[in-house]
Amino acid sequence: MKTSETTAPHAEAWTFADVPRLTAALKRGDEKAFEWLHHAWALRINRYCFALAAGDETLAHEISQSVWLRIVRHVRVLPDEAALWSWIACSARHAASDLRRKGGRYLRALVRFATWWSSDAFADTSATDSLMNALEVAMGKLSAIERDMVEARYFSREPLEVVATRHGITTRAVEGRLARIRDRLRLLIAEELQHSNS
């Protein structure tokens, strides 16, 4: 059929099995490669930025935006999927550090996790894994509704109106619940990181 003929090549144009080709295309500024990576990893990157931001929605969004800009401007040809993720995670940590230096409303959240953003703490993937594991443990302690709200709003970036409609409440009520959930997640992530380091 005509539709499958037109969609199939785009669906198979990029793959993590050939990261050198993908990253070479990204380096050249290939828009389709960028769109493919965004579709494939936006959720994963958003989760990581949310964990780095300790549940601060605005900060997580700033880190995420900075990561995508760094991919566009500075990505280099990399050998495999693990190397690409490591490069992206490192970009996110650098973005978080840059925001810390700027200070302002982000400083308080960043200071709480300053030790996790030092170069030594993230010299290897085990520290990145620790942070993501802490987020997963923290998310596991939320109710199903709370998890859905966090995942929809912060990882999938659904509009407040969509989340509100799905749960049958107002957008204001969603904002209030999310604020309380973020506060709880910050504490849970900090506790888990402290526990895993002791």
N, C-alpha and C. Protein backbone atom coordinates (compact mmCIF):
# COMPACT_ATOMS: atom_id res chain seq x y z
N MET A 1 0.84 -1.19 0.00
CA MET A 1 0.00 0.00 0.00
C MET A 1 0.88 1.24 0.00
N LYS A 2 0.32 2.31 -0.51
CA LYS A 2 1.09 3.54 -0.65
C LYS A 2 1.54 4.11 0.70
N THR A 3 0.65 4.02 1.70
CA THR A 3 1.00 4.59 3.01
C THR A 3 2.20 3.88 3.62
N SER A 4 2.19 2.55 3.62
CA SER A 4 3.30 1.83 4.22
C SER A 4 4.59 2.07 3.45
N GLU A 5 4.48 2.25 2.13
CA GLU A 5 5.67 2.53 1.33
C GLU A 5 6.31 3.85 1.74
N THR A 6 5.47 4.83 2.05
CA THR A 6 6.03 6.14 2.40
C THR A 6 6.51 6.19 3.84
N THR A 7 5.87 5.42 4.74
CA THR A 7 6.26 5.50 6.14
C THR A 7 7.41 4.56 6.49
N ALA A 8 7.49 3.41 5.83
CA ALA A 8 8.51 2.42 6.19
C ALA A 8 9.94 2.94 6.12
N PRO A 9 10.35 3.62 5.02
CA PRO A 9 11.73 4.08 4.97
C PRO A 9 12.09 5.02 6.11
N HIS A 10 11.14 5.92 6.49
CA HIS A 10 11.42 6.85 7.58
C HIS A 10 11.53 6.10 8.91
N ALA A 11 10.68 5.09 9.08
CA ALA A 11 10.68 4.34 10.34
C ALA A 11 12.00 3.56 10.51
N GLU A 12 12.61 3.14 9.40
CA GLU A 12 13.80 2.32 9.48
C GLU A 12 15.07 3.07 9.11
N ALA A 13 14.96 4.35 8.90
CA ALA A 13 16.13 5.12 8.46
C ALA A 13 17.22 5.16 9.53
N TRP A 14 16.83 5.15 10.80
CA TRP A 14 17.80 5.27 11.89
C TRP A 14 17.58 4.15 12.88
N THR A 15 18.65 3.76 13.53
CA THR A 15 18.57 2.70 14.53
C THR A 15 19.74 2.83 15.49
N PHE A 16 19.54 2.37 16.72
CA PHE A 16 20.64 2.39 17.70
C PHE A 16 21.67 1.30 17.39
N ALA A 17 21.35 0.42 16.44
CA ALA A 17 22.32 -0.60 16.03
C ALA A 17 23.44 0.04 15.19
N ASP A 18 23.18 1.24 14.65
CA ASP A 18 24.19 1.93 13.84
C ASP A 18 24.36 3.37 14.34
N VAL A 19 24.85 3.49 15.58
CA VAL A 19 25.01 4.80 16.20
C VAL A 19 26.05 5.67 15.48
N PRO A 20 27.13 5.11 14.95
CA PRO A 20 28.06 5.99 14.22
C PRO A 20 27.36 6.73 13.07
N ARG A 21 26.51 6.03 12.33
CA ARG A 21 25.79 6.66 11.22
C ARG A 21 24.80 7.70 11.74
N LEU A 22 24.09 7.35 12.83
CA LEU A 22 23.12 8.27 13.43
C LEU A 22 23.81 9.53 13.93
N THR A 23 24.89 9.36 14.69
CA THR A 23 25.56 10.53 15.26
C THR A 23 26.26 11.36 14.19
N ALA A 24 26.73 10.71 13.13
CA ALA A 24 27.32 11.46 12.01
C ALA A 24 26.24 12.34 11.36
N ALA A 25 25.03 11.79 11.23
CA ALA A 25 23.92 12.56 10.66
C ALA A 25 23.53 13.71 11.58
N LEU A 26 23.50 13.46 12.88
CA LEU A 26 23.19 14.52 13.84
C LEU A 26 24.24 15.62 13.76
N LYS A 27 25.49 15.23 13.65
CA LYS A 27 26.60 16.19 13.56
C LYS A 27 26.46 17.06 12.31
N ARG A 28 25.98 16.46 11.20
CA ARG A 28 25.77 17.19 9.95
C ARG A 28 24.55 18.11 10.03
N GLY A 29 23.73 17.94 11.07
CA GLY A 29 22.51 18.74 11.20
C GLY A 29 21.31 18.14 10.49
N ASP A 30 21.32 16.83 10.31
CA ASP A 30 20.22 16.14 9.64
C ASP A 30 18.96 16.20 10.51
N GLU A 31 17.95 16.91 10.03
CA GLU A 31 16.73 17.12 10.81
C GLU A 31 15.99 15.82 11.08
N LYS A 32 15.98 14.91 10.11
CA LYS A 32 15.27 13.63 10.29
C LYS A 32 15.94 12.79 11.38
N ALA A 33 17.26 12.82 11.44
CA ALA A 33 17.98 12.08 12.48
C ALA A 33 17.64 12.65 13.85
N PHE A 34 17.60 13.98 13.93
CA PHE A 34 17.26 14.64 15.20
C PHE A 34 15.83 14.27 15.61
N GLU A 35 14.89 14.33 14.67
CA GLU A 35 13.50 13.97 14.97
C GLU A 35 13.40 12.52 15.44
N TRP A 36 14.17 11.64 14.80
CA TRP A 36 14.13 10.23 15.18
C TRP A 36 14.64 10.05 16.61
N LEU A 37 15.78 10.71 16.92
CA LEU A 37 16.33 10.60 18.27
C LEU A 37 15.37 11.18 19.30
N HIS A 38 14.76 12.30 18.96
CA HIS A 38 13.80 12.92 19.88
C HIS A 38 12.63 11.97 20.15
N HIS A 39 12.12 11.36 19.08
CA HIS A 39 11.01 10.42 19.24
C HIS A 39 11.44 9.20 20.08
N ALA A 40 12.66 8.72 19.83
CA ALA A 40 13.13 7.51 20.51
C ALA A 40 13.49 7.76 21.98
N TRP A 41 14.08 8.92 22.29
CA TRP A 41 14.65 9.11 23.62
C TRP A 41 14.14 10.31 24.40
N ALA A 42 13.17 11.05 23.90
CA ALA A 42 12.69 12.22 24.65
C ALA A 42 12.22 11.81 26.05
N LEU A 43 11.48 10.73 26.14
CA LEU A 43 10.97 10.27 27.44
C LEU A 43 12.13 9.94 28.39
N ARG A 44 13.11 9.23 27.89
CA ARG A 44 14.26 8.83 28.71
C ARG A 44 15.04 10.07 29.18
N ILE A 45 15.27 11.00 28.27
CA ILE A 45 16.00 12.22 28.61
C ILE A 45 15.21 13.05 29.62
N ASN A 46 13.90 13.16 29.40
CA ASN A 46 13.06 13.92 30.34
C ASN A 46 13.10 13.31 31.74
N ARG A 47 13.08 11.98 31.81
CA ARG A 47 13.15 11.30 33.12
C ARG A 47 14.47 11.63 33.81
N TYR A 48 15.54 11.57 33.06
CA TYR A 48 16.86 11.82 33.64
C TYR A 48 16.99 13.27 34.11
N CYS A 49 16.50 14.19 33.30
CA CYS A 49 16.56 15.61 33.68
C CYS A 49 15.69 15.88 34.91
N PHE A 50 14.55 15.21 34.99
CA PHE A 50 13.67 15.36 36.15
C PHE A 50 14.37 14.86 37.41
N ALA A 51 15.10 13.75 37.28
CA ALA A 51 15.84 13.23 38.43
C ALA A 51 16.97 14.19 38.82
N LEU A 52 17.70 14.71 37.83
CA LEU A 52 18.77 15.67 38.12
C LEU A 52 18.23 16.92 38.80
N ALA A 53 17.02 17.31 38.42
CA ALA A 53 16.41 18.53 38.98
C ALA A 53 15.72 18.27 40.31
N ALA A 54 15.80 17.05 40.79
CA ALA A 54 15.18 16.68 42.07
C ALA A 54 13.70 17.04 42.09
N GLY A 55 13.03 16.82 40.96
CA GLY A 55 11.59 17.06 40.91
C GLY A 55 11.19 18.49 40.65
N ASP A 56 12.14 19.38 40.39
CA ASP A 56 11.81 20.77 40.09
C ASP A 56 11.43 20.85 38.61
N GLU A 57 10.14 21.08 38.34
CA GLU A 57 9.61 21.04 36.96
C GLU A 57 10.31 22.04 36.05
N THR A 58 10.45 23.26 36.51
CA THR A 58 11.04 24.31 35.68
C THR A 58 12.51 24.00 35.39
N LEU A 59 13.22 23.58 36.41
CA LEU A 59 14.62 23.26 36.24
C LEU A 59 14.79 22.07 35.30
N ALA A 60 13.96 21.03 35.46
CA ALA A 60 14.04 19.86 34.59
C ALA A 60 13.84 20.26 33.13
N HIS A 61 12.87 21.15 32.90
CA HIS A 61 12.61 21.61 31.53
C HIS A 61 13.81 22.38 30.98
N GLU A 62 14.42 23.23 31.81
CA GLU A 62 15.61 23.99 31.39
C GLU A 62 16.77 23.06 31.05
N ILE A 63 16.98 22.06 31.88
CA ILE A 63 18.07 21.10 31.63
C ILE A 63 17.80 20.36 30.32
N SER A 64 16.57 19.90 30.16
CA SER A 64 16.20 19.15 28.96
C SER A 64 16.41 19.98 27.69
N GLN A 65 15.97 21.23 27.72
CA GLN A 65 16.15 22.11 26.56
C GLN A 65 17.63 22.30 26.25
N SER A 66 18.42 22.46 27.28
CA SER A 66 19.85 22.64 27.11
C SER A 66 20.49 21.38 26.52
N VAL A 67 20.03 20.22 26.93
CA VAL A 67 20.55 18.96 26.40
C VAL A 67 20.31 18.88 24.89
N TRP A 68 19.09 19.18 24.47
CA TRP A 68 18.78 19.11 23.03
C TRP A 68 19.61 20.11 22.25
N LEU A 69 19.84 21.30 22.81
CA LEU A 69 20.70 22.27 22.14
C LEU A 69 22.13 21.76 22.04
N ARG A 70 22.61 21.12 23.09
CA ARG A 70 23.96 20.57 23.07
C ARG A 70 24.08 19.46 22.03
N ILE A 71 23.03 18.66 21.88
CA ILE A 71 23.05 17.61 20.86
C ILE A 71 23.17 18.25 19.48
N VAL A 72 22.36 19.28 19.24
CA VAL A 72 22.38 19.95 17.94
C VAL A 72 23.75 20.59 17.66
N ARG A 73 24.33 21.22 18.67
CA ARG A 73 25.56 22.00 18.45
C ARG A 73 26.85 21.22 18.61
N HIS A 74 26.86 20.20 19.50
CA HIS A 74 28.15 19.63 19.88
C HIS A 74 28.28 18.12 19.75
N VAL A 75 27.25 17.43 19.30
CA VAL A 75 27.36 15.97 19.25
C VAL A 75 28.52 15.57 18.34
N ARG A 76 29.16 14.48 18.70
CA ARG A 76 30.24 13.96 17.86
C ARG A 76 29.89 12.53 17.46
N VAL A 77 30.63 11.99 16.54
CA VAL A 77 30.38 10.62 16.09
C VAL A 77 30.78 9.67 17.23
N LEU A 78 29.84 8.82 17.62
CA LEU A 78 30.05 7.92 18.75
C LEU A 78 29.88 6.47 18.30
N PRO A 79 30.53 5.54 19.01
CA PRO A 79 30.56 4.15 18.52
C PRO A 79 29.31 3.31 18.74
N ASP A 80 28.57 3.58 19.83
CA ASP A 80 27.43 2.71 20.12
C ASP A 80 26.41 3.42 21.00
N GLU A 81 25.32 2.70 21.30
CA GLU A 81 24.21 3.27 22.07
C GLU A 81 24.64 3.68 23.48
N ALA A 82 25.47 2.85 24.11
CA ALA A 82 25.94 3.17 25.48
C ALA A 82 26.75 4.46 25.48
N ALA A 83 27.59 4.63 24.48
CA ALA A 83 28.41 5.85 24.39
C ALA A 83 27.54 7.07 24.13
N LEU A 84 26.51 6.90 23.31
CA LEU A 84 25.61 8.01 23.03
C LEU A 84 24.86 8.41 24.29
N TRP A 85 24.34 7.44 25.03
CA TRP A 85 23.62 7.77 26.26
C TRP A 85 24.56 8.42 27.28
N SER A 86 25.77 7.90 27.38
CA SER A 86 26.74 8.47 28.31
C SER A 86 27.03 9.93 27.95
N TRP A 87 27.16 10.22 26.67
CA TRP A 87 27.43 11.59 26.22
C TRP A 87 26.24 12.50 26.55
N ILE A 88 25.02 12.00 26.33
CA ILE A 88 23.81 12.79 26.62
C ILE A 88 23.68 13.03 28.12
N ALA A 89 23.91 11.99 28.93
CA ALA A 89 23.82 12.14 30.38
C ALA A 89 24.85 13.15 30.88
N CYS A 90 26.05 13.09 30.32
CA CYS A 90 27.09 14.04 30.70
C CYS A 90 26.66 15.47 30.31
N SER A 91 26.05 15.61 29.14
CA SER A 91 25.55 16.93 28.71
C SER A 91 24.50 17.46 29.68
N ALA A 92 23.65 16.57 30.16
CA ALA A 92 22.61 16.97 31.12
C ALA A 92 23.24 17.44 32.43
N ARG A 93 24.26 16.73 32.89
CA ARG A 93 24.93 17.12 34.13
C ARG A 93 25.63 18.47 33.98
N HIS A 94 26.26 18.67 32.83
CA HIS A 94 26.91 19.97 32.58
C HIS A 94 25.87 21.08 32.51
N ALA A 95 24.73 20.80 31.90
CA ALA A 95 23.66 21.80 31.83
C ALA A 95 23.19 22.15 33.24
N ALA A 96 23.04 21.14 34.09
CA ALA A 96 22.62 21.38 35.47
C ALA A 96 23.65 22.23 36.21
N SER A 97 24.93 21.93 35.99
CA SER A 97 26.00 22.73 36.63
C SER A 97 25.97 24.17 36.14
N ASP A 98 25.77 24.36 34.84
CA ASP A 98 25.69 25.71 34.28
C ASP A 98 24.55 26.50 34.92
N LEU A 99 23.41 25.84 35.09
CA LEU A 99 22.26 26.50 35.71
C LEU A 99 22.55 26.83 37.17
N ARG A 100 23.31 25.94 37.84
CA ARG A 100 23.69 26.20 39.23
C ARG A 100 24.54 27.47 39.32
N ARG A 101 25.47 27.60 38.39
CA ARG A 101 26.33 28.78 38.41
C ARG A 101 25.53 30.06 38.18
N LYS A 102 24.46 29.94 37.38
CA LYS A 102 23.62 31.12 37.14
C LYS A 102 22.86 31.53 38.39
N GLY A 103 22.63 30.57 39.28
CA GLY A 103 21.94 30.89 40.53
C GLY A 103 20.46 31.11 40.34
N GLY A 104 19.93 32.13 41.00
CA GLY A 104 18.52 32.44 40.89
C GLY A 104 17.64 31.41 41.54
N ARG A 105 16.46 31.20 40.96
CA ARG A 105 15.47 30.33 41.60
C ARG A 105 15.86 28.87 41.59
N TYR A 106 16.85 28.48 40.77
CA TYR A 106 17.25 27.08 40.71
C TYR A 106 18.29 26.72 41.77
N LEU A 107 18.93 27.71 42.34
CA LEU A 107 20.09 27.45 43.20
C LEU A 107 19.76 26.54 44.37
N ARG A 108 18.66 26.78 45.04
CA ARG A 108 18.34 25.98 46.23
C ARG A 108 18.21 24.50 45.89
N ALA A 109 17.52 24.18 44.79
CA ALA A 109 17.36 22.78 44.41
C ALA A 109 18.71 22.18 44.02
N LEU A 110 19.52 22.93 43.33
CA LEU A 110 20.80 22.41 42.88
C LEU A 110 21.77 22.20 44.03
N VAL A 111 21.76 23.10 44.99
CA VAL A 111 22.67 22.98 46.13
C VAL A 111 22.42 21.69 46.89
N ARG A 112 21.14 21.29 47.00
CA ARG A 112 20.81 20.06 47.72
C ARG A 112 21.49 18.84 47.10
N PHE A 113 21.72 18.92 45.79
CA PHE A 113 22.34 17.78 45.12
C PHE A 113 23.70 18.12 44.53
N ALA A 114 24.35 19.14 45.10
CA ALA A 114 25.63 19.61 44.56
C ALA A 114 26.66 18.49 44.50
N THR A 115 26.69 17.65 45.52
CA THR A 115 27.69 16.58 45.52
C THR A 115 27.48 15.61 44.36
N TRP A 116 26.21 15.46 43.95
CA TRP A 116 25.93 14.54 42.85
C TRP A 116 26.30 15.12 41.51
N TRP A 117 26.51 16.43 41.46
CA TRP A 117 26.83 17.06 40.18
C TRP A 117 28.31 17.34 40.02
N SER A 118 29.09 16.89 40.97
CA SER A 118 30.53 17.10 40.83
C SER A 118 31.05 16.14 39.76
N SER A 119 32.17 16.47 39.17
CA SER A 119 32.75 15.62 38.12
C SER A 119 33.04 14.22 38.65
N ASP A 120 33.56 14.14 39.89
CA ASP A 120 33.90 12.84 40.45
C ASP A 120 32.68 11.95 40.60
N ALA A 121 31.56 12.55 41.01
CA ALA A 121 30.36 11.74 41.25
C ALA A 121 29.84 11.12 39.97
N PHE A 122 30.08 11.80 38.84
CA PHE A 122 29.54 11.29 37.59
C PHE A 122 30.64 10.85 36.64
N ALA A 123 31.77 10.47 37.18
CA ALA A 123 32.87 10.04 36.33
C ALA A 123 32.53 8.74 35.62
N ASP A 124 31.63 7.94 36.18
CA ASP A 124 31.26 6.70 35.51
C ASP A 124 29.74 6.55 35.49
N THR A 125 29.31 5.52 34.81
CA THR A 125 27.86 5.34 34.64
C THR A 125 27.19 4.87 35.92
N SER A 126 27.94 4.36 36.89
CA SER A 126 27.30 3.86 38.11
C SER A 126 26.60 4.98 38.87
N ALA A 127 27.16 6.20 38.86
CA ALA A 127 26.51 7.33 39.53
C ALA A 127 25.23 7.71 38.82
N THR A 128 25.28 7.70 37.48
CA THR A 128 24.07 7.98 36.70
C THR A 128 23.02 6.93 37.01
N ASP A 129 23.45 5.66 37.05
CA ASP A 129 22.52 4.58 37.37
C ASP A 129 21.93 4.76 38.76
N SER A 130 22.76 5.21 39.72
CA SER A 130 22.27 5.43 41.09
C SER A 130 21.15 6.46 41.12
N LEU A 131 21.36 7.54 40.39
CA LEU A 131 20.35 8.59 40.35
C LEU A 131 19.06 8.09 39.72
N MET A 132 19.18 7.38 38.60
CA MET A 132 17.98 6.86 37.94
C MET A 132 17.29 5.80 38.80
N ASN A 133 18.08 4.97 39.48
CA ASN A 133 17.49 3.98 40.39
C ASN A 133 16.77 4.66 41.54
N ALA A 134 17.35 5.75 42.06
CA ALA A 134 16.70 6.50 43.14
C ALA A 134 15.36 7.06 42.67
N LEU A 135 15.33 7.55 41.44
CA LEU A 135 14.07 8.05 40.89
C LEU A 135 13.05 6.92 40.76
N GLU A 136 13.50 5.76 40.26
CA GLU A 136 12.59 4.62 40.09
C GLU A 136 12.02 4.16 41.43
N VAL A 137 12.89 4.08 42.46
CA VAL A 137 12.43 3.68 43.79
C VAL A 137 11.42 4.70 44.31
N ALA A 138 11.75 5.99 44.15
CA ALA A 138 10.85 7.06 44.61
C ALA A 138 9.51 6.97 43.88
N MET A 139 9.56 6.76 42.56
CA MET A 139 8.31 6.65 41.79
C MET A 139 7.49 5.45 42.24
N GLY A 140 8.17 4.38 42.62
CA GLY A 140 7.49 3.18 43.09
C GLY A 140 6.73 3.39 44.40
N LYS A 141 7.09 4.43 45.14
CA LYS A 141 6.43 4.72 46.41
C LYS A 141 5.21 5.63 46.24
N LEU A 142 4.99 6.08 45.01
CA LEU A 142 3.81 6.91 44.73
C LEU A 142 2.62 6.01 44.41
N SER A 143 1.43 6.57 44.54
CA SER A 143 0.24 5.83 44.13
C SER A 143 0.20 5.76 42.61
N ALA A 144 -0.65 4.90 42.07
CA ALA A 144 -0.77 4.75 40.61
C ALA A 144 -1.18 6.08 39.97
N ILE A 145 -2.09 6.80 40.60
CA ILE A 145 -2.55 8.09 40.06
C ILE A 145 -1.42 9.10 40.09
N GLU A 146 -0.67 9.14 41.19
CA GLU A 146 0.45 10.08 41.29
C GLU A 146 1.51 9.78 40.23
N ARG A 147 1.81 8.47 40.05
CA ARG A 147 2.79 8.09 39.03
C ARG A 147 2.33 8.51 37.64
N ASP A 148 1.05 8.27 37.36
CA ASP A 148 0.51 8.64 36.05
C ASP A 148 0.65 10.14 35.81
N MET A 149 0.34 10.93 36.83
CA MET A 149 0.42 12.38 36.68
C MET A 149 1.86 12.83 36.41
N VAL A 150 2.82 12.28 37.16
CA VAL A 150 4.22 12.66 36.98
C VAL A 150 4.71 12.24 35.60
N GLU A 151 4.44 10.98 35.23
CA GLU A 151 4.90 10.49 33.94
C GLU A 151 4.28 11.27 32.79
N ALA A 152 2.98 11.55 32.90
CA ALA A 152 2.29 12.27 31.83
C ALA A 152 2.80 13.69 31.69
N ARG A 153 2.92 14.38 32.81
CA ARG A 153 3.27 15.81 32.77
C ARG A 153 4.76 16.06 32.53
N TYR A 154 5.62 15.30 33.21
CA TYR A 154 7.05 15.62 33.18
C TYR A 154 7.87 14.77 32.22
N PHE A 155 7.44 13.53 31.99
CA PHE A 155 8.23 12.68 31.10
C PHE A 155 7.67 12.71 29.68
N SER A 156 6.33 12.64 29.56
CA SER A 156 5.72 12.70 28.23
C SER A 156 5.36 14.13 27.83
N ARG A 157 5.44 15.06 28.78
CA ARG A 157 5.16 16.49 28.54
C ARG A 157 3.74 16.74 28.03
N GLU A 158 2.78 16.01 28.60
CA GLU A 158 1.38 16.25 28.24
C GLU A 158 0.92 17.58 28.84
N PRO A 159 0.05 18.31 28.13
CA PRO A 159 -0.49 19.57 28.68
C PRO A 159 -1.30 19.30 29.95
N LEU A 160 -1.34 20.29 30.83
CA LEU A 160 -2.12 20.17 32.08
C LEU A 160 -3.57 19.79 31.80
N GLU A 161 -4.13 20.38 30.75
CA GLU A 161 -5.54 20.14 30.43
C GLU A 161 -5.81 18.66 30.14
N VAL A 162 -4.86 18.02 29.45
CA VAL A 162 -5.02 16.60 29.11
C VAL A 162 -4.97 15.76 30.38
N VAL A 163 -4.02 16.06 31.25
CA VAL A 163 -3.90 15.32 32.52
C VAL A 163 -5.15 15.53 33.36
N ALA A 164 -5.62 16.77 33.42
CA ALA A 164 -6.82 17.09 34.22
C ALA A 164 -8.04 16.34 33.70
N THR A 165 -8.22 16.33 32.40
CA THR A 165 -9.37 15.65 31.79
C THR A 165 -9.32 14.16 32.09
N ARG A 166 -8.14 13.56 31.96
CA ARG A 166 -8.02 12.12 32.21
C ARG A 166 -8.39 11.76 33.65
N HIS A 167 -8.07 12.65 34.59
CA HIS A 167 -8.34 12.35 36.01
C HIS A 167 -9.63 12.99 36.52
N GLY A 168 -10.34 13.70 35.64
CA GLY A 168 -11.62 14.27 36.02
C GLY A 168 -11.54 15.37 37.06
N ILE A 169 -10.45 16.16 37.00
CA ILE A 169 -10.29 17.27 37.94
C ILE A 169 -9.87 18.52 37.17
N THR A 170 -9.79 19.64 37.86
CA THR A 170 -9.41 20.89 37.20
C THR A 170 -7.89 20.96 37.03
N THR A 171 -7.46 21.84 36.12
CA THR A 171 -6.01 22.03 35.92
C THR A 171 -5.37 22.58 37.19
N ARG A 172 -6.11 23.41 37.90
CA ARG A 172 -5.58 23.96 39.16
C ARG A 172 -5.34 22.84 40.19
N ALA A 173 -6.28 21.89 40.22
CA ALA A 173 -6.13 20.76 41.14
C ALA A 173 -4.92 19.91 40.74
N VAL A 174 -4.72 19.73 39.44
CA VAL A 174 -3.55 18.98 38.96
C VAL A 174 -2.27 19.68 39.39
N GLU A 175 -2.22 21.00 39.21
CA GLU A 175 -1.03 21.77 39.60
C GLU A 175 -0.73 21.60 41.08
N GLY A 176 -1.78 21.67 41.91
CA GLY A 176 -1.60 21.51 43.35
C GLY A 176 -1.08 20.13 43.71
N ARG A 177 -1.67 19.10 43.09
CA ARG A 177 -1.22 17.74 43.38
C ARG A 177 0.21 17.53 42.93
N LEU A 178 0.54 18.04 41.74
CA LEU A 178 1.89 17.87 41.22
C LEU A 178 2.92 18.57 42.12
N ALA A 179 2.57 19.73 42.65
CA ALA A 179 3.49 20.44 43.55
C ALA A 179 3.77 19.58 44.78
N ARG A 180 2.72 18.97 45.35
CA ARG A 180 2.91 18.12 46.53
C ARG A 180 3.71 16.86 46.18
N ILE A 181 3.43 16.30 45.01
CA ILE A 181 4.15 15.09 44.58
C ILE A 181 5.63 15.41 44.37
N ARG A 182 5.93 16.55 43.76
CA ARG A 182 7.33 16.93 43.53
C ARG A 182 8.08 17.07 44.85
N ASP A 183 7.43 17.70 45.84
CA ASP A 183 8.05 17.84 47.16
C ASP A 183 8.37 16.47 47.75
N ARG A 184 7.40 15.57 47.63
CA ARG A 184 7.59 14.22 48.17
C ARG A 184 8.70 13.49 47.41
N LEU A 185 8.73 13.62 46.09
CA LEU A 185 9.76 12.96 45.29
C LEU A 185 11.15 13.46 45.65
N ARG A 186 11.29 14.77 45.88
CA ARG A 186 12.60 15.32 46.26
C ARG A 186 13.12 14.61 47.50
N LEU A 187 12.24 14.48 48.49
CA LEU A 187 12.64 13.83 49.75
C LEU A 187 12.97 12.36 49.52
N LEU A 188 12.12 11.68 48.75
CA LEU A 188 12.33 10.25 48.50
C LEU A 188 13.62 10.00 47.73
N ILE A 189 13.91 10.84 46.72
CA ILE A 189 15.15 10.69 45.95
C ILE A 189 16.36 10.92 46.85
N ALA A 190 16.30 11.98 47.66
CA ALA A 190 17.41 12.28 48.57
C ALA A 190 17.64 11.13 49.55
N GLU A 191 16.54 10.59 50.10
CA GLU A 191 16.65 9.49 51.05
C GLU A 191 17.28 8.26 50.39
N GLU A 192 16.83 7.96 49.18
CA GLU A 192 17.34 6.79 48.47
C GLU A 192 18.81 6.95 48.13
N LEU A 193 19.21 8.13 47.69
CA LEU A 193 20.62 8.37 47.38
C LEU A 193 21.48 8.23 48.64
N GLN A 194 20.97 8.78 49.74
CA GLN A 194 21.69 8.70 51.01
C GLN A 194 21.81 7.24 51.45
N HIS A 195 20.71 6.51 51.31
CA HIS A 195 20.69 5.09 51.70
C HIS A 195 21.65 4.29 50.84
N SER A 196 21.68 4.54 49.53
CA SER A 196 22.54 3.75 48.65
C SER A 196 24.01 4.09 48.83
N ASN A 197 24.31 5.24 49.43
CA ASN A 197 25.70 5.64 49.67
C ASN A 197 26.21 5.21 51.03
N SER A 198 25.30 4.73 51.89
CA SER A 198 25.75 4.38 53.25
C SER A 198 26.10 2.91 53.37
